[in-house]
Amino acid sequence: MIKTYGARKLGLRPAHRKMMLRQLATNLVHYEKISTTHARAKELKVYTDRMIGSLKRNDNVVNRAREATRWLAPNGLDACKKLLSVILPRYAERKGGCVRVVALAPRKVDMAAIARVELVN
């Protein structure tokens, strides 16, 4: 798991923030693009890039699967399988920058800045 020194607190306690990032990463792997607030999107980009980079460095298949379950939410076994079989081979030759953040129009209810987070093809 990553240390988040200097990361955005997002108004959450550390355990809640960690679980939120794990759940957002699981949804990103499952759907390959999601929409969230801009601050959460920027944190998710860092988290997901580190996750993919860490999993690419691990050569042992069993250890890679264990590490993937640590990065993703506990209910994300389908996302874990997709990450290991589809997404990691796609980015095997890529050095970094696997995630893109695109700004969208503000949310109409509270005018919060919204961004789409997507995996780069």
PDB file of N, CA and C in Angstrom:
ATOM      1  N   MET A   1       0.841  -1.171   0.000  1.00  0.00           N
ATOM      2  CA  MET A   1       0.000   0.000   0.000  1.00  0.00           C
ATOM      3  C   MET A   1       0.886   1.233   0.000  1.00  0.00           C
ATOM      4  N   ILE A   2       0.394   2.313  -0.526  1.00  0.00           N
ATOM      5  CA  ILE A   2       1.206   3.512  -0.649  1.00  0.00           C
ATOM      6  C   ILE A   2       1.077   4.394   0.581  1.00  0.00           C
ATOM      7  N   LYS A   3       2.127   5.144   0.845  1.00  0.00           N
ATOM      8  CA  LYS A   3       2.092   6.175   1.872  1.00  0.00           C
ATOM      9  C   LYS A   3       1.602   7.447   1.197  1.00  0.00           C
ATOM     10  N   THR A   4       0.750   8.187   1.855  1.00  0.00           N
ATOM     11  CA  THR A   4       0.168   9.369   1.229  1.00  0.00           C
ATOM     12  C   THR A   4       0.630  10.634   1.941  1.00  0.00           C
ATOM     13  N   TYR A   5       1.934  10.829   2.052  1.00  0.00           N
ATOM     14  CA  TYR A   5       2.455  12.046   2.651  1.00  0.00           C
ATOM     15  C   TYR A   5       2.161  13.213   1.722  1.00  0.00           C
ATOM     16  N   GLY A   6       1.556  14.247   2.246  1.00  0.00           N
ATOM     17  CA  GLY A   6       1.270  15.430   1.448  1.00  0.00           C
ATOM     18  C   GLY A   6       0.090  15.270   0.518  1.00  0.00           C
ATOM     19  N   ALA A   7      -0.680  14.214   0.660  1.00  0.00           N
ATOM     20  CA  ALA A   7      -1.822  14.000  -0.225  1.00  0.00           C
ATOM     21  C   ALA A   7      -3.009  14.819   0.261  1.00  0.00           C
ATOM     22  N   ARG A   8      -4.003  14.951  -0.582  1.00  0.00           N
ATOM     23  CA  ARG A   8      -5.216  15.670  -0.207  1.00  0.00           C
ATOM     24  C   ARG A   8      -5.988  14.871   0.836  1.00  0.00           C
ATOM     25  N   LYS A   9      -6.524  15.558   1.811  1.00  0.00           N
ATOM     26  CA  LYS A   9      -7.275  14.876   2.862  1.00  0.00           C
ATOM     27  C   LYS A   9      -8.721  14.657   2.474  1.00  0.00           C
ATOM     28  N   LEU A  10      -9.249  15.467   1.581  1.00  0.00           N
ATOM     29  CA  LEU A  10     -10.596  15.311   1.046  1.00  0.00           C
ATOM     30  C   LEU A  10     -11.677  15.348   2.121  1.00  0.00           C
ATOM     31  N   GLY A  11     -11.375  15.906   3.278  1.00  0.00           N
ATOM     32  CA  GLY A  11     -12.359  16.013   4.345  1.00  0.00           C
ATOM     33  C   GLY A  11     -12.721  14.686   4.977  1.00  0.00           C
ATOM     34  N   LEU A  12     -11.837  13.703   4.872  1.00  0.00           N
ATOM     35  CA  LEU A  12     -12.125  12.368   5.380  1.00  0.00           C
ATOM     36  C   LEU A  12     -11.041  11.915   6.340  1.00  0.00           C
ATOM     37  N   ARG A  13     -11.412  11.012   7.225  1.00  0.00           N
ATOM     38  CA  ARG A  13     -10.413  10.397   8.097  1.00  0.00           C
ATOM     39  C   ARG A  13      -9.585   9.411   7.272  1.00  0.00           C
ATOM     40  N   PRO A  14      -8.375   9.076   7.733  1.00  0.00           N
ATOM     41  CA  PRO A  14      -7.469   8.244   6.921  1.00  0.00           C
ATOM     42  C   PRO A  14      -8.058   6.902   6.486  1.00  0.00           C
ATOM     43  N   ALA A  15      -8.743   6.198   7.361  1.00  0.00           N
ATOM     44  CA  ALA A  15      -9.294   4.893   6.990  1.00  0.00           C
ATOM     45  C   ALA A  15     -10.390   5.046   5.937  1.00  0.00           C
ATOM     46  N   HIS A  16     -11.221   6.067   6.096  1.00  0.00           N
ATOM     47  CA  HIS A  16     -12.292   6.301   5.136  1.00  0.00           C
ATOM     48  C   HIS A  16     -11.709   6.717   3.785  1.00  0.00           C
ATOM     49  N   ARG A  17     -10.694   7.568   3.816  1.00  0.00           N
ATOM     50  CA  ARG A  17     -10.052   8.024   2.580  1.00  0.00           C
ATOM     51  C   ARG A  17      -9.402   6.848   1.834  1.00  0.00           C
ATOM     52  N   LYS A  18      -8.732   5.968   2.577  1.00  0.00           N
ATOM     53  CA  LYS A  18      -8.094   4.804   1.973  1.00  0.00           C
ATOM     54  C   LYS A  18      -9.126   3.885   1.325  1.00  0.00           C
ATOM     55  N   MET A  19     -10.236   3.645   2.027  1.00  0.00           N
ATOM     56  CA  MET A  19     -11.275   2.771   1.478  1.00  0.00           C
ATOM     57  C   MET A  19     -11.948   3.414   0.271  1.00  0.00           C
ATOM     58  N   MET A  20     -12.135   4.740   0.314  1.00  0.00           N
ATOM     59  CA  MET A  20     -12.739   5.434  -0.823  1.00  0.00           C
ATOM     60  C   MET A  20     -11.848   5.311  -2.060  1.00  0.00           C
ATOM     61  N   LEU A  21     -10.523   5.490  -1.887  1.00  0.00           N
ATOM     62  CA  LEU A  21      -9.612   5.357  -3.025  1.00  0.00           C
ATOM     63  C   LEU A  21      -9.599   3.932  -3.563  1.00  0.00           C
ATOM     64  N   ARG A  22      -9.655   2.950  -2.674  1.00  0.00           N
ATOM     65  CA  ARG A  22      -9.696   1.555  -3.120  1.00  0.00           C
ATOM     66  C   ARG A  22     -10.962   1.279  -3.921  1.00  0.00           C
ATOM     67  N   GLN A  23     -12.097   1.816  -3.450  1.00  0.00           N
ATOM     68  CA  GLN A  23     -13.365   1.595  -4.152  1.00  0.00           C
ATOM     69  C   GLN A  23     -13.381   2.325  -5.493  1.00  0.00           C
ATOM     70  N   LEU A  24     -12.862   3.553  -5.530  1.00  0.00           N
ATOM     71  CA  LEU A  24     -12.792   4.280  -6.797  1.00  0.00           C
ATOM     72  C   LEU A  24     -11.872   3.568  -7.788  1.00  0.00           C
ATOM     73  N   ALA A  25     -10.746   3.044  -7.310  1.00  0.00           N
ATOM     74  CA  ALA A  25      -9.833   2.312  -8.186  1.00  0.00           C
ATOM     75  C   ALA A  25     -10.484   1.038  -8.711  1.00  0.00           C
ATOM     76  N   THR A  26     -11.257   0.367  -7.862  1.00  0.00           N
ATOM     77  CA  THR A  26     -11.967  -0.838  -8.297  1.00  0.00           C
ATOM     78  C   THR A  26     -12.973  -0.505  -9.389  1.00  0.00           C
ATOM     79  N   ASN A  27     -13.722   0.577  -9.200  1.00  0.00           N
ATOM     80  CA  ASN A  27     -14.685   0.984 -10.223  1.00  0.00           C
ATOM     81  C   ASN A  27     -13.995   1.420 -11.506  1.00  0.00           C
ATOM     82  N   LEU A  28     -12.854   2.085 -11.380  1.00  0.00           N
ATOM     83  CA  LEU A  28     -12.114   2.503 -12.570  1.00  0.00           C
ATOM     84  C   LEU A  28     -11.629   1.295 -13.363  1.00  0.00           C
ATOM     85  N   VAL A  29     -11.125   0.290 -12.675  1.00  0.00           N
ATOM     86  CA  VAL A  29     -10.666  -0.919 -13.367  1.00  0.00           C
ATOM     87  C   VAL A  29     -11.854  -1.640 -14.002  1.00  0.00           C
ATOM     88  N   HIS A  30     -12.968  -1.692 -13.301  1.00  0.00           N
ATOM     89  CA  HIS A  30     -14.140  -2.417 -13.809  1.00  0.00           C
ATOM     90  C   HIS A  30     -14.765  -1.718 -15.015  1.00  0.00           C
ATOM     91  N   TYR A  31     -14.975  -0.402 -14.931  1.00  0.00           N
ATOM     92  CA  TYR A  31     -15.673   0.324 -15.997  1.00  0.00           C
ATOM     93  C   TYR A  31     -14.734   1.038 -16.963  1.00  0.00           C
ATOM     94  N   GLU A  32     -13.465   1.187 -16.613  1.00  0.00           N
ATOM     95  CA  GLU A  32     -12.416   1.842 -17.383  1.00  0.00           C
ATOM     96  C   GLU A  32     -12.592   3.343 -17.526  1.00  0.00           C
ATOM     97  N   LYS A  33     -13.681   3.915 -17.035  1.00  0.00           N
ATOM     98  CA  LYS A  33     -13.807   5.364 -16.882  1.00  0.00           C
ATOM     99  C   LYS A  33     -14.935   5.658 -15.912  1.00  0.00           C
ATOM    100  N   ILE A  34     -14.692   6.644 -15.049  1.00  0.00           N
ATOM    101  CA  ILE A  34     -15.678   7.049 -14.058  1.00  0.00           C
ATOM    102  C   ILE A  34     -15.641   8.566 -13.926  1.00  0.00           C
ATOM    103  N   SER A  35     -16.720   9.139 -13.379  1.00  0.00           N
ATOM    104  CA  SER A  35     -16.788  10.572 -13.113  1.00  0.00           C
ATOM    105  C   SER A  35     -16.848  10.788 -11.616  1.00  0.00           C
ATOM    106  N   THR A  36     -16.084  11.762 -11.128  1.00  0.00           N
ATOM    107  CA  THR A  36     -16.055  12.098  -9.710  1.00  0.00           C
ATOM    108  C   THR A  36     -15.611  13.547  -9.582  1.00  0.00           C
ATOM    109  N   THR A  37     -15.471  14.045  -8.361  1.00  0.00           N
ATOM    110  CA  THR A  37     -15.026  15.418  -8.196  1.00  0.00           C
ATOM    111  C   THR A  37     -13.570  15.534  -8.627  1.00  0.00           C
ATOM    112  N   HIS A  38     -13.168  16.752  -8.946  1.00  0.00           N
ATOM    113  CA  HIS A  38     -11.836  16.965  -9.511  1.00  0.00           C
ATOM    114  C   HIS A  38     -10.734  16.606  -8.504  1.00  0.00           C
ATOM    115  N   ALA A  39     -10.904  16.951  -7.238  1.00  0.00           N
ATOM    116  CA  ALA A  39      -9.895  16.635  -6.228  1.00  0.00           C
ATOM    117  C   ALA A  39      -9.747  15.125  -6.054  1.00  0.00           C
ATOM    118  N   ARG A  40     -10.869  14.414  -6.006  1.00  0.00           N
ATOM    119  CA  ARG A  40     -10.809  12.955  -5.902  1.00  0.00           C
ATOM    120  C   ARG A  40     -10.196  12.346  -7.143  1.00  0.00           C
ATOM    121  N   ALA A  41     -10.470  12.920  -8.292  1.00  0.00           N
ATOM    122  CA  ALA A  41      -9.920  12.403  -9.549  1.00  0.00           C
ATOM    123  C   ALA A  41      -8.401  12.505  -9.560  1.00  0.00           C
ATOM    124  N   LYS A  42      -7.864  13.620  -9.069  1.00  0.00           N
ATOM    125  CA  LYS A  42      -6.413  13.786  -9.055  1.00  0.00           C
ATOM    126  C   LYS A  42      -5.751  12.816  -8.084  1.00  0.00           C
ATOM    127  N   GLU A  43      -6.387  12.564  -6.951  1.00  0.00           N
ATOM    128  CA  GLU A  43      -5.854  11.574  -6.013  1.00  0.00           C
ATOM    129  C   GLU A  43      -5.949  10.160  -6.589  1.00  0.00           C
ATOM    130  N   LEU A  44      -7.048   9.878  -7.260  1.00  0.00           N
ATOM    131  CA  LEU A  44      -7.236   8.562  -7.871  1.00  0.00           C
ATOM    132  C   LEU A  44      -6.212   8.312  -8.960  1.00  0.00           C
ATOM    133  N   LYS A  45      -5.850   9.327  -9.710  1.00  0.00           N
ATOM    134  CA  LYS A  45      -4.833   9.190 -10.765  1.00  0.00           C
ATOM    135  C   LYS A  45      -3.504   8.748 -10.168  1.00  0.00           C
ATOM    136  N   VAL A  46      -3.084   9.398  -9.090  1.00  0.00           N
ATOM    137  CA  VAL A  46      -1.829   9.035  -8.433  1.00  0.00           C
ATOM    138  C   VAL A  46      -1.903   7.609  -7.903  1.00  0.00           C
ATOM    139  N   TYR A  47      -2.992   7.282  -7.244  1.00  0.00           N
ATOM    140  CA  TYR A  47      -3.177   5.959  -6.646  1.00  0.00           C
ATOM    141  C   TYR A  47      -3.154   4.864  -7.718  1.00  0.00           C
ATOM    142  N   THR A  48      -3.868   5.079  -8.812  1.00  0.00           N
ATOM    143  CA  THR A  48      -3.976   4.049  -9.849  1.00  0.00           C
ATOM    144  C   THR A  48      -2.666   3.901 -10.624  1.00  0.00           C
ATOM    145  N   ASP A  49      -1.982   5.015 -10.897  1.00  0.00           N
ATOM    146  CA  ASP A  49      -0.694   4.910 -11.578  1.00  0.00           C
ATOM    147  C   ASP A  49       0.311   4.139 -10.732  1.00  0.00           C
ATOM    148  N   ARG A  50       0.318   4.395  -9.430  1.00  0.00           N
ATOM    149  CA  ARG A  50       1.220   3.655  -8.547  1.00  0.00           C
ATOM    150  C   ARG A  50       0.828   2.183  -8.473  1.00  0.00           C
ATOM    151  N   MET A  51      -0.475   1.917  -8.472  1.00  0.00           N
ATOM    152  CA  MET A  51      -0.939   0.536  -8.419  1.00  0.00           C
ATOM    153  C   MET A  51      -0.476  -0.233  -9.657  1.00  0.00           C
ATOM    154  N   ILE A  52      -0.692   0.322 -10.826  1.00  0.00           N
ATOM    155  CA  ILE A  52      -0.326  -0.365 -12.067  1.00  0.00           C
ATOM    156  C   ILE A  52       1.186  -0.532 -12.157  1.00  0.00           C
ATOM    157  N   GLY A  53       1.934   0.501 -11.790  1.00  0.00           N
ATOM    158  CA  GLY A  53       3.391   0.399 -11.812  1.00  0.00           C
ATOM    159  C   GLY A  53       3.917  -0.647 -10.860  1.00  0.00           C
ATOM    160  N   SER A  54       3.346  -0.711  -9.675  1.00  0.00           N
ATOM    161  CA  SER A  54       3.774  -1.700  -8.687  1.00  0.00           C
ATOM    162  C   SER A  54       3.454  -3.117  -9.148  1.00  0.00           C
ATOM    163  N   LEU A  55       2.290  -3.300  -9.739  1.00  0.00           N
ATOM    164  CA  LEU A  55       1.907  -4.639 -10.206  1.00  0.00           C
ATOM    165  C   LEU A  55       2.730  -5.064 -11.420  1.00  0.00           C
ATOM    166  N   LYS A  56       3.145  -4.118 -12.258  1.00  0.00           N
ATOM    167  CA  LYS A  56       3.968  -4.481 -13.413  1.00  0.00           C
ATOM    168  C   LYS A  56       5.351  -4.942 -12.987  1.00  0.00           C
ATOM    169  N   ARG A  57       5.883  -4.391 -11.899  1.00  0.00           N
ATOM    170  CA  ARG A  57       7.224  -4.765 -11.441  1.00  0.00           C
ATOM    171  C   ARG A  57       7.262  -6.150 -10.827  1.00  0.00           C
ATOM    172  N   ASN A  58       6.134  -6.645 -10.329  1.00  0.00           N
ATOM    173  CA  ASN A  58       6.078  -7.945  -9.677  1.00  0.00           C
ATOM    174  C   ASN A  58       5.984  -9.044 -10.740  1.00  0.00           C
ATOM    175  N   ASP A  59       6.927  -9.984 -10.729  1.00  0.00           N
ATOM    176  CA  ASP A  59       6.965 -11.022 -11.765  1.00  0.00           C
ATOM    177  C   ASP A  59       6.173 -12.272 -11.405  1.00  0.00           C
ATOM    178  N   ASN A  60       6.099 -12.605 -10.136  1.00  0.00           N
ATOM    179  CA  ASN A  60       5.419 -13.815  -9.706  1.00  0.00           C
ATOM    180  C   ASN A  60       3.900 -13.617  -9.801  1.00  0.00           C
ATOM    181  N   VAL A  61       3.214 -14.532 -10.456  1.00  0.00           N
ATOM    182  CA  VAL A  61       1.780 -14.401 -10.710  1.00  0.00           C
ATOM    183  C   VAL A  61       0.972 -14.438  -9.412  1.00  0.00           C
ATOM    184  N   VAL A  62       1.340 -15.322  -8.504  1.00  0.00           N
ATOM    185  CA  VAL A  62       0.599 -15.450  -7.255  1.00  0.00           C
ATOM    186  C   VAL A  62       0.766 -14.191  -6.420  1.00  0.00           C
ATOM    187  N   ASN A  63       2.001 -13.693  -6.308  1.00  0.00           N
ATOM    188  CA  ASN A  63       2.235 -12.474  -5.534  1.00  0.00           C
ATOM    189  C   ASN A  63       1.560 -11.275  -6.180  1.00  0.00           C
ATOM    190  N   ARG A  64       1.522 -11.257  -7.498  1.00  0.00           N
ATOM    191  CA  ARG A  64       0.848 -10.163  -8.209  1.00  0.00           C
ATOM    192  C   ARG A  64      -0.645 -10.154  -7.896  1.00  0.00           C
ATOM    193  N   ALA A  65      -1.258 -11.339  -7.845  1.00  0.00           N
ATOM    194  CA  ALA A  65      -2.683 -11.425  -7.522  1.00  0.00           C
ATOM    195  C   ALA A  65      -2.941 -10.991  -6.087  1.00  0.00           C
ATOM    196  N   ARG A  66      -2.079 -11.387  -5.156  1.00  0.00           N
ATOM    197  CA  ARG A  66      -2.239 -10.972  -3.762  1.00  0.00           C
ATOM    198  C   ARG A  66      -2.106  -9.461  -3.620  1.00  0.00           C
ATOM    199  N   GLU A  67      -1.127  -8.896  -4.315  1.00  0.00           N
ATOM    200  CA  GLU A  67      -0.926  -7.458  -4.227  1.00  0.00           C
ATOM    201  C   GLU A  67      -2.099  -6.700  -4.854  1.00  0.00           C
ATOM    202  N   ALA A  68      -2.657  -7.229  -5.919  1.00  0.00           N
ATOM    203  CA  ALA A  68      -3.805  -6.579  -6.550  1.00  0.00           C
ATOM    204  C   ALA A  68      -5.003  -6.544  -5.608  1.00  0.00           C
ATOM    205  N   THR A  69      -5.195  -7.605  -4.830  1.00  0.00           N
ATOM    206  CA  THR A  69      -6.308  -7.595  -3.876  1.00  0.00           C
ATOM    207  C   THR A  69      -6.069  -6.600  -2.753  1.00  0.00           C
ATOM    208  N   ARG A  70      -4.815  -6.274  -2.477  1.00  0.00           N
ATOM    209  CA  ARG A  70      -4.520  -5.254  -1.466  1.00  0.00           C
ATOM    210  C   ARG A  70      -4.822  -3.852  -1.983  1.00  0.00           C
ATOM    211  N   TRP A  71      -4.625  -3.628  -3.266  1.00  0.00           N
ATOM    212  CA  TRP A  71      -4.856  -2.306  -3.850  1.00  0.00           C
ATOM    213  C   TRP A  71      -6.336  -2.043  -4.104  1.00  0.00           C
ATOM    214  N   LEU A  72      -7.094  -3.084  -4.427  1.00  0.00           N
ATOM    215  CA  LEU A  72      -8.504  -2.903  -4.788  1.00  0.00           C
ATOM    216  C   LEU A  72      -9.403  -3.210  -3.603  1.00  0.00           C
ATOM    217  N   ALA A  73     -10.671  -2.848  -3.734  1.00  0.00           N
ATOM    218  CA  ALA A  73     -11.648  -3.043  -2.660  1.00  0.00           C
ATOM    219  C   ALA A  73     -11.899  -4.536  -2.440  1.00  0.00           C
ATOM    220  N   PRO A  74     -12.303  -4.911  -1.224  1.00  0.00           N
ATOM    221  CA  PRO A  74     -12.523  -6.326  -0.924  1.00  0.00           C
ATOM    222  C   PRO A  74     -13.581  -6.995  -1.793  1.00  0.00           C
ATOM    223  N   ASN A  75     -14.553  -6.241  -2.290  1.00  0.00           N
ATOM    224  CA  ASN A  75     -15.594  -6.844  -3.122  1.00  0.00           C
ATOM    225  C   ASN A  75     -15.246  -6.802  -4.606  1.00  0.00           C
ATOM    226  N   GLY A  76     -14.002  -6.521  -4.955  1.00  0.00           N
ATOM    227  CA  GLY A  76     -13.633  -6.339  -6.351  1.00  0.00           C
ATOM    228  C   GLY A  76     -12.882  -7.497  -6.974  1.00  0.00           C
ATOM    229  N   LEU A  77     -13.341  -8.723  -6.766  1.00  0.00           N
ATOM    230  CA  LEU A  77     -12.634  -9.866  -7.348  1.00  0.00           C
ATOM    231  C   LEU A  77     -12.722  -9.882  -8.872  1.00  0.00           C
ATOM    232  N   ASP A  78     -13.869  -9.486  -9.419  1.00  0.00           N
ATOM    233  CA  ASP A  78     -13.984  -9.410 -10.878  1.00  0.00           C
ATOM    234  C   ASP A  78     -13.052  -8.343 -11.438  1.00  0.00           C
ATOM    235  N   ALA A  79     -12.964  -7.218 -10.743  1.00  0.00           N
ATOM    236  CA  ALA A  79     -12.062  -6.154 -11.176  1.00  0.00           C
ATOM    237  C   ALA A  79     -10.612  -6.607 -11.063  1.00  0.00           C
ATOM    238  N   CYS A  80     -10.313  -7.391 -10.044  1.00  0.00           N
ATOM    239  CA  CYS A  80      -8.951  -7.906  -9.873  1.00  0.00           C
ATOM    240  C   CYS A  80      -8.574  -8.833 -11.030  1.00  0.00           C
ATOM    241  N   LYS A  81      -9.500  -9.693 -11.421  1.00  0.00           N
ATOM    242  CA  LYS A  81      -9.244 -10.587 -12.555  1.00  0.00           C
ATOM    243  C   LYS A  81      -9.055  -9.799 -13.839  1.00  0.00           C
ATOM    244  N   LYS A  82      -9.881  -8.775 -14.036  1.00  0.00           N
ATOM    245  CA  LYS A  82      -9.761  -7.948 -15.233  1.00  0.00           C
ATOM    246  C   LYS A  82      -8.440  -7.186 -15.235  1.00  0.00           C
ATOM    247  N   LEU A  83      -8.044  -6.698 -14.070  1.00  0.00           N
ATOM    248  CA  LEU A  83      -6.788  -5.963 -13.960  1.00  0.00           C
ATOM    249  C   LEU A  83      -5.614  -6.849 -14.350  1.00  0.00           C
ATOM    250  N   LEU A  84      -5.602  -8.069 -13.844  1.00  0.00           N
ATOM    251  CA  LEU A  84      -4.474  -8.957 -14.105  1.00  0.00           C
ATOM    252  C   LEU A  84      -4.462  -9.515 -15.520  1.00  0.00           C
ATOM    253  N   SER A  85      -5.635  -9.780 -16.098  1.00  0.00           N
ATOM    254  CA  SER A  85      -5.668 -10.439 -17.403  1.00  0.00           C
ATOM    255  C   SER A  85      -5.775  -9.483 -18.583  1.00  0.00           C
ATOM    256  N   VAL A  86      -6.388  -8.309 -18.391  1.00  0.00           N
ATOM    257  CA  VAL A  86      -6.626  -7.400 -19.521  1.00  0.00           C
ATOM    258  C   VAL A  86      -5.794  -6.125 -19.425  1.00  0.00           C
ATOM    259  N   ILE A  87      -5.831  -5.479 -18.279  1.00  0.00           N
ATOM    260  CA  ILE A  87      -5.254  -4.141 -18.171  1.00  0.00           C
ATOM    261  C   ILE A  87      -3.731  -4.170 -18.056  1.00  0.00           C
ATOM    262  N   LEU A  88      -3.177  -5.025 -17.212  1.00  0.00           N
ATOM    263  CA  LEU A  88      -1.720  -5.065 -17.084  1.00  0.00           C
ATOM    264  C   LEU A  88      -1.010  -5.433 -18.384  1.00  0.00           C
ATOM    265  N   PRO A  89      -1.483  -6.418 -19.155  1.00  0.00           N
ATOM    266  CA  PRO A  89      -0.819  -6.672 -20.442  1.00  0.00           C
ATOM    267  C   PRO A  89      -0.916  -5.484 -21.403  1.00  0.00           C
ATOM    268  N   ARG A  90      -1.986  -4.714 -21.308  1.00  0.00           N
ATOM    269  CA  ARG A  90      -2.151  -3.544 -22.178  1.00  0.00           C
ATOM    270  C   ARG A  90      -1.072  -2.500 -21.912  1.00  0.00           C
ATOM    271  N   TYR A  91      -0.652  -2.366 -20.647  1.00  0.00           N
ATOM    272  CA  TYR A  91       0.327  -1.346 -20.270  1.00  0.00           C
ATOM    273  C   TYR A  91       1.705  -1.927 -19.965  1.00  0.00           C
ATOM    274  N   ALA A  92       2.004  -3.110 -20.473  1.00  0.00           N
ATOM    275  CA  ALA A  92       3.275  -3.762 -20.174  1.00  0.00           C
ATOM    276  C   ALA A  92       4.465  -2.948 -20.674  1.00  0.00           C
ATOM    277  N   GLU A  93       4.352  -2.348 -21.844  1.00  0.00           N
ATOM    278  CA  GLU A  93       5.463  -1.596 -22.418  1.00  0.00           C
ATOM    279  C   GLU A  93       5.430  -0.113 -22.046  1.00  0.00           C
ATOM    280  N   ARG A  94       4.380   0.339 -21.439  1.00  0.00           N
ATOM    281  CA  ARG A  94       4.232   1.770 -21.118  1.00  0.00           C
ATOM    282  C   ARG A  94       4.964   2.081 -19.813  1.00  0.00           C
ATOM    283  N   LYS A  95       5.713   3.165 -19.789  1.00  0.00           N
ATOM    284  CA  LYS A  95       6.490   3.535 -18.609  1.00  0.00           C
ATOM    285  C   LYS A  95       5.624   4.100 -17.492  1.00  0.00           C
ATOM    286  N   GLY A  96       4.593   4.839 -17.829  1.00  0.00           N
ATOM    287  CA  GLY A  96       3.734   5.445 -16.817  1.00  0.00           C
ATOM    288  C   GLY A  96       2.641   6.236 -17.489  1.00  0.00           C
ATOM    289  N   GLY A  97       1.853   6.930 -16.706  1.00  0.00           N
ATOM    290  CA  GLY A  97       0.786   7.741 -17.275  1.00  0.00           C
ATOM    291  C   GLY A  97      -0.326   6.916 -17.881  1.00  0.00           C
ATOM    292  N   CYS A  98      -0.803   5.940 -17.151  1.00  0.00           N
ATOM    293  CA  CYS A  98      -1.850   5.046 -17.651  1.00  0.00           C
ATOM    294  C   CYS A  98      -3.250   5.609 -17.425  1.00  0.00           C
ATOM    295  N   VAL A  99      -3.351   6.684 -16.654  1.00  0.00           N
ATOM    296  CA  VAL A  99      -4.650   7.233 -16.286  1.00  0.00           C
ATOM    297  C   VAL A  99      -4.717   8.687 -16.736  1.00  0.00           C
ATOM    298  N   ARG A 100      -5.865   9.078 -17.264  1.00  0.00           N
ATOM    299  CA  ARG A 100      -6.089  10.440 -17.747  1.00  0.00           C
ATOM    300  C   ARG A 100      -7.229  11.063 -16.961  1.00  0.00           C
ATOM    301  N   VAL A 101      -7.074  12.354 -16.607  1.00  0.00           N
ATOM    302  CA  VAL A 101      -8.123  13.116 -15.927  1.00  0.00           C
ATOM    303  C   VAL A 101      -8.591  14.205 -16.882  1.00  0.00           C
ATOM    304  N   VAL A 102      -9.886  14.208 -17.197  1.00  0.00           N
ATOM    305  CA  VAL A 102     -10.471  15.183 -18.108  1.00  0.00           C
ATOM    306  C   VAL A 102     -11.522  15.981 -17.344  1.00  0.00           C
ATOM    307  N   ALA A 103     -11.387  17.306 -17.364  1.00  0.00           N
ATOM    308  CA  ALA A 103     -12.340  18.159 -16.662  1.00  0.00           C
ATOM    309  C   ALA A 103     -13.668  18.186 -17.413  1.00  0.00           C
ATOM    310  N   LEU A 104     -14.758  18.142 -16.660  1.00  0.00           N
ATOM    311  CA  LEU A 104     -16.099  18.209 -17.216  1.00  0.00           C
ATOM    312  C   LEU A 104     -16.802  19.459 -16.692  1.00  0.00           C
ATOM    313  N   ALA A 105     -18.024  19.669 -17.125  1.00  0.00           N
ATOM    314  CA  ALA A 105     -18.821  20.805 -16.648  1.00  0.00           C
ATOM    315  C   ALA A 105     -19.122  20.619 -15.161  1.00  0.00           C
ATOM    316  N   PRO A 106     -19.263  21.710 -14.419  1.00  0.00           N
ATOM    317  CA  PRO A 106     -19.563  21.589 -12.989  1.00  0.00           C
ATOM    318  C   PRO A 106     -20.913  20.919 -12.746  1.00  0.00           C
ATOM    319  N   ARG A 107     -21.014  20.268 -11.587  1.00  0.00           N
ATOM    320  CA  ARG A 107     -22.261  19.634 -11.200  1.00  0.00           C
ATOM    321  C   ARG A 107     -23.299  20.720 -10.929  1.00  0.00           C
ATOM    322  N   LYS A 108     -24.508  20.567 -11.453  1.00  0.00           N
ATOM    323  CA  LYS A 108     -25.515  21.629 -11.375  1.00  0.00           C
ATOM    324  C   LYS A 108     -26.050  21.853  -9.969  1.00  0.00           C
ATOM    325  N   VAL A 109     -26.084  20.814  -9.151  1.00  0.00           N
ATOM    326  CA  VAL A 109     -26.675  20.936  -7.820  1.00  0.00           C
ATOM    327  C   VAL A 109     -25.857  21.851  -6.922  1.00  0.00           C
ATOM    328  N   ASP A 110     -24.546  21.627  -6.872  1.00  0.00           N
ATOM    329  CA  ASP A 110     -23.711  22.405  -5.957  1.00  0.00           C
ATOM    330  C   ASP A 110     -22.523  23.065  -6.648  1.00  0.00           C
ATOM    331  N   MET A 111     -22.461  23.016  -7.974  1.00  0.00           N
ATOM    332  CA  MET A 111     -21.399  23.624  -8.772  1.00  0.00           C
ATOM    333  C   MET A 111     -20.007  23.080  -8.415  1.00  0.00           C
ATOM    334  N   ALA A 112     -19.937  21.826  -7.994  1.00  0.00           N
ATOM    335  CA  ALA A 112     -18.656  21.191  -7.703  1.00  0.00           C
ATOM    336  C   ALA A 112     -17.956  20.855  -9.015  1.00  0.00           C
ATOM    337  N   ALA A 113     -16.643  21.020  -9.037  1.00  0.00           N
ATOM    338  CA  ALA A 113     -15.850  20.694 -10.229  1.00  0.00           C
ATOM    339  C   ALA A 113     -15.853  19.177 -10.418  1.00  0.00           C
ATOM    340  N   ILE A 114     -16.231  18.738 -11.598  1.00  0.00           N
ATOM    341  CA  ILE A 114     -16.331  17.310 -11.908  1.00  0.00           C
ATOM    342  C   ILE A 114     -15.291  16.968 -12.955  1.00  0.00           C
ATOM    343  N   ALA A 115     -14.727  15.769 -12.841  1.00  0.00           N
ATOM    344  CA  ALA A 115     -13.743  15.299 -13.807  1.00  0.00           C
ATOM    345  C   ALA A 115     -14.020  13.828 -14.127  1.00  0.00           C
ATOM    346  N   ARG A 116     -13.646  13.434 -15.337  1.00  0.00           N
ATOM    347  CA  ARG A 116     -13.738  12.035 -15.737  1.00  0.00           C
ATOM    348  C   ARG A 116     -12.342  11.438 -15.657  1.00  0.00           C
ATOM    349  N   VAL A 117     -12.228  10.301 -15.030  1.00  0.00           N
ATOM    350  CA  VAL A 117     -10.970   9.573 -14.923  1.00  0.00           C
ATOM    351  C   VAL A 117     -11.089   8.371 -15.840  1.00  0.00           C
ATOM    352  N   GLU A 118     -10.115   8.194 -16.733  1.00  0.00           N
ATOM    353  CA  GLU A 118     -10.198   7.073 -17.678  1.00  0.00           C
ATOM    354  C   GLU A 118      -8.836   6.474 -17.892  1.00  0.00           C
ATOM    355  N   LEU A 119      -8.832   5.194 -18.211  1.00  0.00           N
ATOM    356  CA  LEU A 119      -7.598   4.508 -18.559  1.00  0.00           C
ATOM    357  C   LEU A 119      -7.236   4.847 -19.998  1.00  0.00           C
ATOM    358  N   VAL A 120      -5.971   5.160 -20.222  1.00  0.00           N
ATOM    359  CA  VAL A 120      -5.498   5.536 -21.548  1.00  0.00           C
ATOM    360  C   VAL A 120      -5.420   4.299 -22.422  1.00  0.00           C
ATOM    361  N   ASN A 121      -5.806   4.423 -23.692  1.00  0.00           N
ATOM    362  CA  ASN A 121      -5.728   3.280 -24.606  1.00  0.00           C
ATOM    363  C   ASN A 121      -4.387   3.229 -25.304  1.00  0.00           C
TER     364      ASN A 121
END
